Amino acid sequence: MDVIQLGSLTLKWDLLALIGALVLALVAISLRLKLESKPVKPWMEWAMTVMLVLLLNEKFGYLWDSPSVIWEQPKALLFLSGTSINGNVLLVIGLVSWSILYARKHQLSLAVLTDLAAQGYLMWLVGYGFLYAYMTETAPGMTPFPLPGGIAQALPPIESFIAIVVLLVLWLLRRPLGSLKDAQYSTAFMGTSGLLLSLWIPPEIAWMSMSSNQWLYVFLLICCYFITRERERRKLLMKAKQEWSKEETIEEAEQAKPGL
């Protein structure tokens, strides 16, 4: 893996690729907000905080499993990087919890936040895969095309192509933010395709005979289930309101009739 030396600080290409992909995700979220004429500042503060936490986890996530490095080899913090399974699980739980609290504190819509997170995730997949392809490598955890080695590594992984197609369709349809349609379609397509593609590659078992990437796709499908339930609940509530409004209109019309 190529590295870039900045004084005593060593940056690996995987960290730089993550930074580039996250920046692209921020740009996509910002453009989506501007298209919807929504205030950008509170959402970008949320997105940039998530980006910073993800970068810190990529650089220092290994400390969850090896905290002794801090006092035994403090200089190693400058050139070591990596994540851990325990750290990633805590990261997801922490980011979801903090995002909910942030939205409630700033009186932001959780539905809009969910749609924006889906847009950012799709753009991150696109950027991450294409940046690795620029280095003629396949992004970790992604599936290369079944082509000869040199050609497969020069092309972005299959997940990135699926993500860019889904993202283009969502941008062409331009469903209103907060409708949860972007989040529903993103989690459904990426969760299903990712889980199926992961069967092509022998997984690195993390827990219960599944790899960490497979658990990520399972998490996306679980999110899709709850998002779908929420959309169904909204439809039923809207239908009930329409029926109630219709009944009120009929009653008012009957009361307005002149007495016989």
C-alpha atoms as a PDB file:
ATOM      1  CA  MET A   1       0.000   0.000   0.000  1.00  0.00           C
ATOM      2  CA  ASP A   2       1.449   3.399  -1.048  1.00  0.00           C
ATOM      3  CA  VAL A   3       1.986   5.924   1.697  1.00  0.00           C
ATOM      4  CA  ILE A   4       2.553   9.679   1.854  1.00  0.00           C
ATOM      5  CA  GLN A   5       5.007  11.050   4.402  1.00  0.00           C
ATOM      6  CA  LEU A   6       4.196  14.421   5.957  1.00  0.00           C
ATOM      7  CA  GLY A   7       7.115  15.041   8.282  1.00  0.00           C
ATOM      8  CA  SER A   8       6.837  12.443  11.019  1.00  0.00           C
ATOM      9  CA  LEU A   9       3.216  11.684  10.081  1.00  0.00           C
ATOM     10  CA  THR A  10       2.554   8.761   7.749  1.00  0.00           C
ATOM     11  CA  LEU A  11      -0.681   8.686   5.754  1.00  0.00           C
ATOM     12  CA  LYS A  12      -1.674   5.520   3.942  1.00  0.00           C
ATOM     13  CA  TRP A  13      -3.530   5.548   0.663  1.00  0.00           C
ATOM     14  CA  ASP A  14      -6.611   3.926   2.212  1.00  0.00           C
ATOM     15  CA  LEU A  15      -6.955   6.907   4.579  1.00  0.00           C
ATOM     16  CA  LEU A  16      -6.546   9.374   1.715  1.00  0.00           C
ATOM     17  CA  ALA A  17      -9.127   7.471  -0.346  1.00  0.00           C
ATOM     18  CA  LEU A  18     -11.525   7.623   2.593  1.00  0.00           C
ATOM     19  CA  ILE A  19     -10.988  11.388   2.908  1.00  0.00           C
ATOM     20  CA  GLY A  20     -11.625  11.919  -0.804  1.00  0.00           C
ATOM     21  CA  ALA A  21     -14.764   9.758  -0.765  1.00  0.00           C
ATOM     22  CA  LEU A  22     -16.143  11.554   2.299  1.00  0.00           C
ATOM     23  CA  VAL A  23     -15.518  14.956   0.692  1.00  0.00           C
ATOM     24  CA  LEU A  24     -17.513  13.801  -2.345  1.00  0.00           C
ATOM     25  CA  ALA A  25     -20.291  12.667   0.010  1.00  0.00           C
ATOM     26  CA  LEU A  26     -20.342  16.141   1.603  1.00  0.00           C
ATOM     27  CA  VAL A  27     -20.586  17.760  -1.837  1.00  0.00           C
ATOM     28  CA  ALA A  28     -23.500  15.482  -2.797  1.00  0.00           C
ATOM     29  CA  ILE A  29     -25.359  16.276   0.435  1.00  0.00           C
ATOM     30  CA  SER A  30     -24.776  20.022  -0.028  1.00  0.00           C
ATOM     31  CA  LEU A  31     -26.030  19.988  -3.632  1.00  0.00           C
ATOM     32  CA  ARG A  32     -29.101  17.960  -2.666  1.00  0.00           C
ATOM     33  CA  LEU A  33     -29.967  20.461   0.051  1.00  0.00           C
ATOM     34  CA  LYS A  34     -29.572  23.398  -2.329  1.00  0.00           C
ATOM     35  CA  LEU A  35     -31.831  21.734  -4.886  1.00  0.00           C
ATOM     36  CA  GLU A  36     -34.486  21.414  -2.175  1.00  0.00           C
ATOM     37  CA  SER A  37     -33.883  25.022  -1.010  1.00  0.00           C
ATOM     38  CA  LYS A  38     -33.263  23.820   2.536  1.00  0.00           C
ATOM     39  CA  PRO A  39     -30.886  25.494   5.027  1.00  0.00           C
ATOM     40  CA  VAL A  40     -27.438  24.034   4.465  1.00  0.00           C
ATOM     41  CA  LYS A  41     -25.588  25.047   7.634  1.00  0.00           C
ATOM     42  CA  PRO A  42     -27.133  22.742  10.292  1.00  0.00           C
ATOM     43  CA  TRP A  43     -27.045  19.724   7.985  1.00  0.00           C
ATOM     44  CA  MET A  44     -23.459  20.361   6.898  1.00  0.00           C
ATOM     45  CA  GLU A  45     -22.384  20.694  10.519  1.00  0.00           C
ATOM     46  CA  TRP A  46     -23.890  17.268  11.140  1.00  0.00           C
ATOM     47  CA  ALA A  47     -22.273  15.791   8.030  1.00  0.00           C
ATOM     48  CA  MET A  48     -18.830  17.252   8.773  1.00  0.00           C
ATOM     49  CA  THR A  49     -18.949  15.940  12.337  1.00  0.00           C
ATOM     50  CA  VAL A  50     -19.762  12.455  11.027  1.00  0.00           C
ATOM     51  CA  MET A  51     -16.892  12.774   8.550  1.00  0.00           C
ATOM     52  CA  LEU A  52     -14.435  13.763  11.282  1.00  0.00           C
ATOM     53  CA  VAL A  53     -15.490  10.847  13.507  1.00  0.00           C
ATOM     54  CA  LEU A  54     -15.115   8.385  10.617  1.00  0.00           C
ATOM     55  CA  LEU A  55     -11.622   9.690   9.849  1.00  0.00           C
ATOM     56  CA  LEU A  56     -10.563   9.452  13.488  1.00  0.00           C
ATOM     57  CA  ASN A  57     -11.869   5.893  13.597  1.00  0.00           C
ATOM     58  CA  GLU A  58      -9.934   5.002  10.432  1.00  0.00           C
ATOM     59  CA  LYS A  59      -6.742   6.440  11.912  1.00  0.00           C
ATOM     60  CA  PHE A  60      -7.040   5.388  15.569  1.00  0.00           C
ATOM     61  CA  GLY A  61      -9.740   2.697  15.596  1.00  0.00           C
ATOM     62  CA  TYR A  62      -7.192  -0.028  16.358  1.00  0.00           C
ATOM     63  CA  LEU A  63      -6.801   1.466  19.844  1.00  0.00           C
ATOM     64  CA  TRP A  64     -10.081  -0.195  20.869  1.00  0.00           C
ATOM     65  CA  ASP A  65      -8.260  -3.534  20.719  1.00  0.00           C
ATOM     66  CA  SER A  66      -4.780  -2.319  21.642  1.00  0.00           C
ATOM     67  CA  PRO A  67      -5.071   0.694  23.974  1.00  0.00           C
ATOM     68  CA  SER A  68      -1.667  -0.074  25.491  1.00  0.00           C
ATOM     69  CA  VAL A  69      -0.041   1.469  22.396  1.00  0.00           C
ATOM     70  CA  ILE A  70      -0.861   4.907  23.843  1.00  0.00           C
ATOM     71  CA  TRP A  71       1.516   4.567  26.806  1.00  0.00           C
ATOM     72  CA  GLU A  72       3.880   1.850  25.582  1.00  0.00           C
ATOM     73  CA  GLN A  73       4.610   3.169  22.074  1.00  0.00           C
ATOM     74  CA  PRO A  74       3.188   6.708  21.782  1.00  0.00           C
ATOM     75  CA  LYS A  75       5.324   7.488  18.722  1.00  0.00           C
ATOM     76  CA  ALA A  76       3.647   4.610  16.888  1.00  0.00           C
ATOM     77  CA  LEU A  77       0.433   6.663  16.826  1.00  0.00           C
ATOM     78  CA  LEU A  78       1.983   8.750  14.038  1.00  0.00           C
ATOM     79  CA  PHE A  79       2.372   5.914  11.535  1.00  0.00           C
ATOM     80  CA  LEU A  80      -0.124   3.258  12.650  1.00  0.00           C
ATOM     81  CA  SER A  81      -3.710   3.281  11.413  1.00  0.00           C
ATOM     82  CA  GLY A  82      -6.607   0.877  11.133  1.00  0.00           C
ATOM     83  CA  THR A  83      -9.956  -0.056  12.594  1.00  0.00           C
ATOM     84  CA  SER A  84     -11.326  -2.828  14.784  1.00  0.00           C
ATOM     85  CA  ILE A  85     -14.605  -4.729  14.761  1.00  0.00           C
ATOM     86  CA  ASN A  86     -15.507  -3.642  18.287  1.00  0.00           C
ATOM     87  CA  GLY A  87     -14.687  -0.054  17.433  1.00  0.00           C
ATOM     88  CA  ASN A  88     -16.786  -0.145  14.265  1.00  0.00           C
ATOM     89  CA  VAL A  89     -19.816  -1.500  16.130  1.00  0.00           C
ATOM     90  CA  LEU A  90     -19.512   1.172  18.813  1.00  0.00           C
ATOM     91  CA  LEU A  91     -18.982   3.764  16.094  1.00  0.00           C
ATOM     92  CA  VAL A  92     -22.266   2.884  14.349  1.00  0.00           C
ATOM     93  CA  ILE A  93     -24.207   2.879  17.625  1.00  0.00           C
ATOM     94  CA  GLY A  94     -22.638   6.149  18.699  1.00  0.00           C
ATOM     95  CA  LEU A  95     -23.211   7.949  15.387  1.00  0.00           C
ATOM     96  CA  VAL A  96     -26.858   6.842  15.168  1.00  0.00           C
ATOM     97  CA  SER A  97     -27.535   7.910  18.766  1.00  0.00           C
ATOM     98  CA  TRP A  98     -25.743  11.231  18.387  1.00  0.00           C
ATOM     99  CA  SER A  99     -27.474  11.981  15.059  1.00  0.00           C
ATOM    100  CA  ILE A 100     -30.900  11.485  16.667  1.00  0.00           C
ATOM    101  CA  LEU A 101     -29.973  13.773  19.563  1.00  0.00           C
ATOM    102  CA  TYR A 102     -28.521  16.364  17.178  1.00  0.00           C
ATOM    103  CA  ALA A 103     -31.681  16.400  15.060  1.00  0.00           C
ATOM    104  CA  ARG A 104     -33.915  16.813  18.114  1.00  0.00           C
ATOM    105  CA  LYS A 105     -31.721  19.526  19.620  1.00  0.00           C
ATOM    106  CA  HIS A 106     -31.730  21.585  16.411  1.00  0.00           C
ATOM    107  CA  GLN A 107     -35.365  20.698  15.586  1.00  0.00           C
ATOM    108  CA  LEU A 108     -34.411  18.951  12.352  1.00  0.00           C
ATOM    109  CA  SER A 109     -36.405  16.249  10.617  1.00  0.00           C
ATOM    110  CA  LEU A 110     -35.155  12.710  11.221  1.00  0.00           C
ATOM    111  CA  ALA A 111     -36.683  11.713   7.891  1.00  0.00           C
ATOM    112  CA  VAL A 112     -34.626  14.335   6.050  1.00  0.00           C
ATOM    113  CA  LEU A 113     -31.540  13.221   7.960  1.00  0.00           C
ATOM    114  CA  THR A 114     -32.152   9.619   6.897  1.00  0.00           C
ATOM    115  CA  ASP A 115     -32.510  10.574   3.229  1.00  0.00           C
ATOM    116  CA  LEU A 116     -29.344  12.684   3.366  1.00  0.00           C
ATOM    117  CA  ALA A 117     -27.427   9.861   5.026  1.00  0.00           C
ATOM    118  CA  ALA A 118     -28.505   7.559   2.179  1.00  0.00           C
ATOM    119  CA  GLN A 119     -27.328  10.085  -0.429  1.00  0.00           C
ATOM    120  CA  GLY A 120     -23.997  10.469   1.342  1.00  0.00           C
ATOM    121  CA  TYR A 121     -23.503   6.716   1.646  1.00  0.00           C
ATOM    122  CA  LEU A 122     -24.124   6.194  -2.073  1.00  0.00           C
ATOM    123  CA  MET A 123     -21.676   8.923  -3.072  1.00  0.00           C
ATOM    124  CA  TRP A 124     -19.110   7.556  -0.625  1.00  0.00           C
ATOM    125  CA  LEU A 125     -19.371   4.127  -2.267  1.00  0.00           C
ATOM    126  CA  VAL A 126     -18.870   5.700  -5.689  1.00  0.00           C
ATOM    127  CA  GLY A 127     -15.896   7.818  -4.636  1.00  0.00           C
ATOM    128  CA  TYR A 128     -14.203   5.091  -2.597  1.00  0.00           C
ATOM    129  CA  GLY A 129     -14.369   2.544  -5.408  1.00  0.00           C
ATOM    130  CA  PHE A 130     -13.274   4.961  -8.144  1.00  0.00           C
ATOM    131  CA  LEU A 131     -10.365   6.353  -6.108  1.00  0.00           C
ATOM    132  CA  TYR A 132      -9.017   2.861  -5.498  1.00  0.00           C
ATOM    133  CA  ALA A 133      -9.459   2.071  -9.195  1.00  0.00           C
ATOM    134  CA  TYR A 134      -7.295   5.120  -9.915  1.00  0.00           C
ATOM    135  CA  MET A 135      -4.513   3.294  -8.029  1.00  0.00           C
ATOM    136  CA  THR A 136      -5.348   0.114  -9.994  1.00  0.00           C
ATOM    137  CA  GLU A 137      -6.557  -1.628  -6.847  1.00  0.00           C
ATOM    138  CA  THR A 138      -9.893  -2.984  -5.681  1.00  0.00           C
ATOM    139  CA  ALA A 139     -11.343  -1.205  -2.650  1.00  0.00           C
ATOM    140  CA  PRO A 140     -11.321  -3.374   0.498  1.00  0.00           C
ATOM    141  CA  GLY A 141     -14.545  -5.265   1.057  1.00  0.00           C
ATOM    142  CA  MET A 142     -15.809  -4.644  -2.475  1.00  0.00           C
ATOM    143  CA  THR A 143     -16.251  -7.039  -5.387  1.00  0.00           C
ATOM    144  CA  PRO A 144     -14.129  -6.730  -8.555  1.00  0.00           C
ATOM    145  CA  PHE A 145     -15.537  -7.589 -11.950  1.00  0.00           C
ATOM    146  CA  PRO A 146     -14.866 -11.196 -13.028  1.00  0.00           C
ATOM    147  CA  LEU A 147     -12.206 -10.140 -15.526  1.00  0.00           C
ATOM    148  CA  PRO A 148      -8.463 -10.792 -15.821  1.00  0.00           C
ATOM    149  CA  GLY A 149      -6.533  -9.345 -12.885  1.00  0.00           C
ATOM    150  CA  GLY A 150      -5.160  -6.169 -14.483  1.00  0.00           C
ATOM    151  CA  ILE A 151      -8.461  -5.173 -16.075  1.00  0.00           C
ATOM    152  CA  ALA A 152     -10.499  -5.958 -12.956  1.00  0.00           C
ATOM    153  CA  GLN A 153      -8.237  -3.809 -10.768  1.00  0.00           C
ATOM    154  CA  ALA A 154      -8.349  -0.908 -13.219  1.00  0.00           C
ATOM    155  CA  LEU A 155     -12.153  -0.838 -13.043  1.00  0.00           C
ATOM    156  CA  PRO A 156     -14.152   0.346 -10.023  1.00  0.00           C
ATOM    157  CA  PRO A 157     -15.839  -2.477  -8.085  1.00  0.00           C
ATOM    158  CA  ILE A 158     -19.345  -3.660  -8.859  1.00  0.00           C
ATOM    159  CA  GLU A 159     -20.768  -1.994  -5.730  1.00  0.00           C
ATOM    160  CA  SER A 160     -19.586   1.421  -6.956  1.00  0.00           C
ATOM    161  CA  PHE A 161     -21.316   0.979 -10.310  1.00  0.00           C
ATOM    162  CA  ILE A 162     -24.552  -0.090  -8.601  1.00  0.00           C
ATOM    163  CA  ALA A 163     -24.308   2.892  -6.246  1.00  0.00           C
ATOM    164  CA  ILE A 164     -23.795   5.388  -9.083  1.00  0.00           C
ATOM    165  CA  VAL A 165     -26.788   3.989 -10.995  1.00  0.00           C
ATOM    166  CA  VAL A 166     -29.018   4.199  -7.895  1.00  0.00           C
ATOM    167  CA  LEU A 167     -27.745   7.708  -7.159  1.00  0.00           C
ATOM    168  CA  LEU A 168     -28.402   8.920 -10.708  1.00  0.00           C
ATOM    169  CA  VAL A 169     -31.944   7.496 -10.630  1.00  0.00           C
ATOM    170  CA  LEU A 170     -32.648   9.206  -7.291  1.00  0.00           C
ATOM    171  CA  TRP A 171     -31.348  12.523  -8.586  1.00  0.00           C
ATOM    172  CA  LEU A 172     -33.427  12.228 -11.773  1.00  0.00           C
ATOM    173  CA  LEU A 173     -36.584  11.402  -9.791  1.00  0.00           C
ATOM    174  CA  ARG A 174     -35.807  14.058  -7.154  1.00  0.00           C
ATOM    175  CA  ARG A 175     -38.169  12.794  -4.508  1.00  0.00           C
ATOM    176  CA  PRO A 176     -38.682  15.389  -1.736  1.00  0.00           C
ATOM    177  CA  LEU A 177     -36.247  15.050   1.131  1.00  0.00           C
ATOM    178  CA  GLY A 178     -38.061  13.584   4.100  1.00  0.00           C
ATOM    179  CA  SER A 179     -40.273  11.281   2.045  1.00  0.00           C
ATOM    180  CA  LEU A 180     -37.875   8.431   2.966  1.00  0.00           C
ATOM    181  CA  LYS A 181     -38.008   7.147  -0.613  1.00  0.00           C
ATOM    182  CA  ASP A 182     -34.303   7.839  -1.179  1.00  0.00           C
ATOM    183  CA  ALA A 183     -33.406   5.989   2.004  1.00  0.00           C
ATOM    184  CA  GLN A 184     -35.741   3.084   1.248  1.00  0.00           C
ATOM    185  CA  TYR A 185     -34.440   2.480  -2.269  1.00  0.00           C
ATOM    186  CA  SER A 186     -30.793   2.994  -1.274  1.00  0.00           C
ATOM    187  CA  THR A 187     -30.858   0.559   1.626  1.00  0.00           C
ATOM    188  CA  ALA A 188     -32.885  -1.997  -0.341  1.00  0.00           C
ATOM    189  CA  PHE A 189     -30.660  -2.016  -3.443  1.00  0.00           C
ATOM    190  CA  MET A 190     -27.298  -1.702  -1.696  1.00  0.00           C
ATOM    191  CA  GLY A 191     -28.162  -4.125   1.108  1.00  0.00           C
ATOM    192  CA  THR A 192     -29.471  -6.810  -1.261  1.00  0.00           C
ATOM    193  CA  SER A 193     -26.789  -6.431  -3.938  1.00  0.00           C
ATOM    194  CA  GLY A 194     -23.984  -6.172  -1.402  1.00  0.00           C
ATOM    195  CA  LEU A 195     -25.105  -9.297   0.437  1.00  0.00           C
ATOM    196  CA  LEU A 196     -25.376 -11.267  -2.793  1.00  0.00           C
ATOM    197  CA  LEU A 197     -22.011 -10.044  -4.100  1.00  0.00           C
ATOM    198  CA  SER A 198     -20.313 -10.890  -0.806  1.00  0.00           C
ATOM    199  CA  LEU A 199     -21.070 -14.551  -1.491  1.00  0.00           C
ATOM    200  CA  TRP A 200     -18.639 -14.486  -4.427  1.00  0.00           C
ATOM    201  CA  ILE A 201     -15.647 -13.791  -2.205  1.00  0.00           C
ATOM    202  CA  PRO A 202     -14.629 -16.068   0.695  1.00  0.00           C
ATOM    203  CA  PRO A 203     -15.513 -13.904   3.714  1.00  0.00           C
ATOM    204  CA  GLU A 204     -13.180 -13.123   6.572  1.00  0.00           C
ATOM    205  CA  ILE A 205     -15.297 -14.462   9.410  1.00  0.00           C
ATOM    206  CA  ALA A 206     -15.997 -11.811  12.019  1.00  0.00           C
ATOM    207  CA  TRP A 207     -18.957 -13.155  13.982  1.00  0.00           C
ATOM    208  CA  MET A 208     -21.548 -15.917  13.538  1.00  0.00           C
ATOM    209  CA  SER A 209     -20.031 -17.143  10.240  1.00  0.00           C
ATOM    210  CA  MET A 210     -20.399 -13.710   8.625  1.00  0.00           C
ATOM    211  CA  SER A 211     -17.880 -11.025   7.751  1.00  0.00           C
ATOM    212  CA  SER A 212     -18.090  -7.431   8.947  1.00  0.00           C
ATOM    213  CA  ASN A 213     -19.191  -6.300   5.464  1.00  0.00           C
ATOM    214  CA  GLN A 214     -21.986  -8.860   5.420  1.00  0.00           C
ATOM    215  CA  TRP A 215     -23.192  -7.589   8.784  1.00  0.00           C
ATOM    216  CA  LEU A 216     -23.165  -4.077   7.320  1.00  0.00           C
ATOM    217  CA  TYR A 217     -25.454  -5.198   4.493  1.00  0.00           C
ATOM    218  CA  VAL A 218     -27.723  -6.970   6.972  1.00  0.00           C
ATOM    219  CA  PHE A 219     -27.873  -3.709   8.932  1.00  0.00           C
ATOM    220  CA  LEU A 220     -28.890  -1.867   5.744  1.00  0.00           C
ATOM    221  CA  LEU A 221     -31.695  -4.356   5.110  1.00  0.00           C
ATOM    222  CA  ILE A 222     -32.908  -3.998   8.698  1.00  0.00           C
ATOM    223  CA  CYS A 223     -32.937  -0.224   8.212  1.00  0.00           C
ATOM    224  CA  CYS A 224     -34.881  -0.745   4.975  1.00  0.00           C
ATOM    225  CA  TYR A 225     -37.500  -2.763   6.857  1.00  0.00           C
ATOM    226  CA  PHE A 226     -38.079  -0.058   9.477  1.00  0.00           C
ATOM    227  CA  ILE A 227     -38.054   2.703   6.839  1.00  0.00           C
ATOM    228  CA  THR A 228     -40.686   0.792   4.840  1.00  0.00           C
ATOM    229  CA  ARG A 229     -42.820   0.373   7.951  1.00  0.00           C
ATOM    230  CA  GLU A 230     -42.572   4.089   8.649  1.00  0.00           C
ATOM    231  CA  ARG A 231     -43.641   4.945   5.101  1.00  0.00           C
ATOM    232  CA  GLU A 232     -46.611   2.573   5.394  1.00  0.00           C
ATOM    233  CA  ARG A 233     -47.567   4.193   8.700  1.00  0.00           C
ATOM    234  CA  ARG A 234     -47.475   7.606   7.040  1.00  0.00           C
ATOM    235  CA  LYS A 235     -49.679   6.414   4.185  1.00  0.00           C
ATOM    236  CA  LEU A 236     -52.267   4.986   6.597  1.00  0.00           C
ATOM    237  CA  LEU A 237     -52.223   8.179   8.651  1.00  0.00           C
ATOM    238  CA  MET A 238     -52.674  10.329   5.542  1.00  0.00           C
ATOM    239  CA  LYS A 239     -55.516   8.111   4.318  1.00  0.00           C
ATOM    240  CA  ALA A 240     -57.239   8.356   7.696  1.00  0.00           C
ATOM    241  CA  LYS A 241     -56.911  12.157   7.655  1.00  0.00           C
ATOM    242  CA  GLN A 242     -58.382  12.323   4.145  1.00  0.00           C
ATOM    243  CA  GLU A 243     -61.355  10.167   5.156  1.00  0.00           C
ATOM    244  CA  TRP A 244     -61.900  12.242   8.279  1.00  0.00           C
ATOM    245  CA  SER A 245     -61.723  15.461   6.245  1.00  0.00           C
ATOM    246  CA  LYS A 246     -64.162  14.007   3.706  1.00  0.00           C
ATOM    247  CA  GLU A 247     -66.641  13.067   6.447  1.00  0.00           C
ATOM    248  CA  GLU A 248     -66.379  16.570   7.924  1.00  0.00           C
ATOM    249  CA  THR A 249     -67.067  18.086   4.504  1.00  0.00           C
ATOM    250  CA  ILE A 250     -70.181  15.890   4.070  1.00  0.00           C
ATOM    251  CA  GLU A 251     -71.473  16.814   7.528  1.00  0.00           C
ATOM    252  CA  GLU A 252     -70.970  20.531   6.851  1.00  0.00           C
ATOM    253  CA  ALA A 253     -72.772  20.202   3.518  1.00  0.00           C
ATOM    254  CA  GLU A 254     -75.716  18.454   5.179  1.00  0.00           C
ATOM    255  CA  GLN A 255     -75.912  21.098   7.898  1.00  0.00           C
ATOM    256  CA  ALA A 256     -75.851  23.840   5.260  1.00  0.00           C
ATOM    257  CA  LYS A 257     -78.951  22.443   3.508  1.00  0.00           C
ATOM    258  CA  PRO A 258     -82.107  24.509   4.168  1.00  0.00           C
ATOM    259  CA  GLY A 259     -84.624  22.789   6.361  1.00  0.00           C
ATOM    260  CA  LEU A 260     -87.643  21.222   4.688  1.00  0.00           C
END
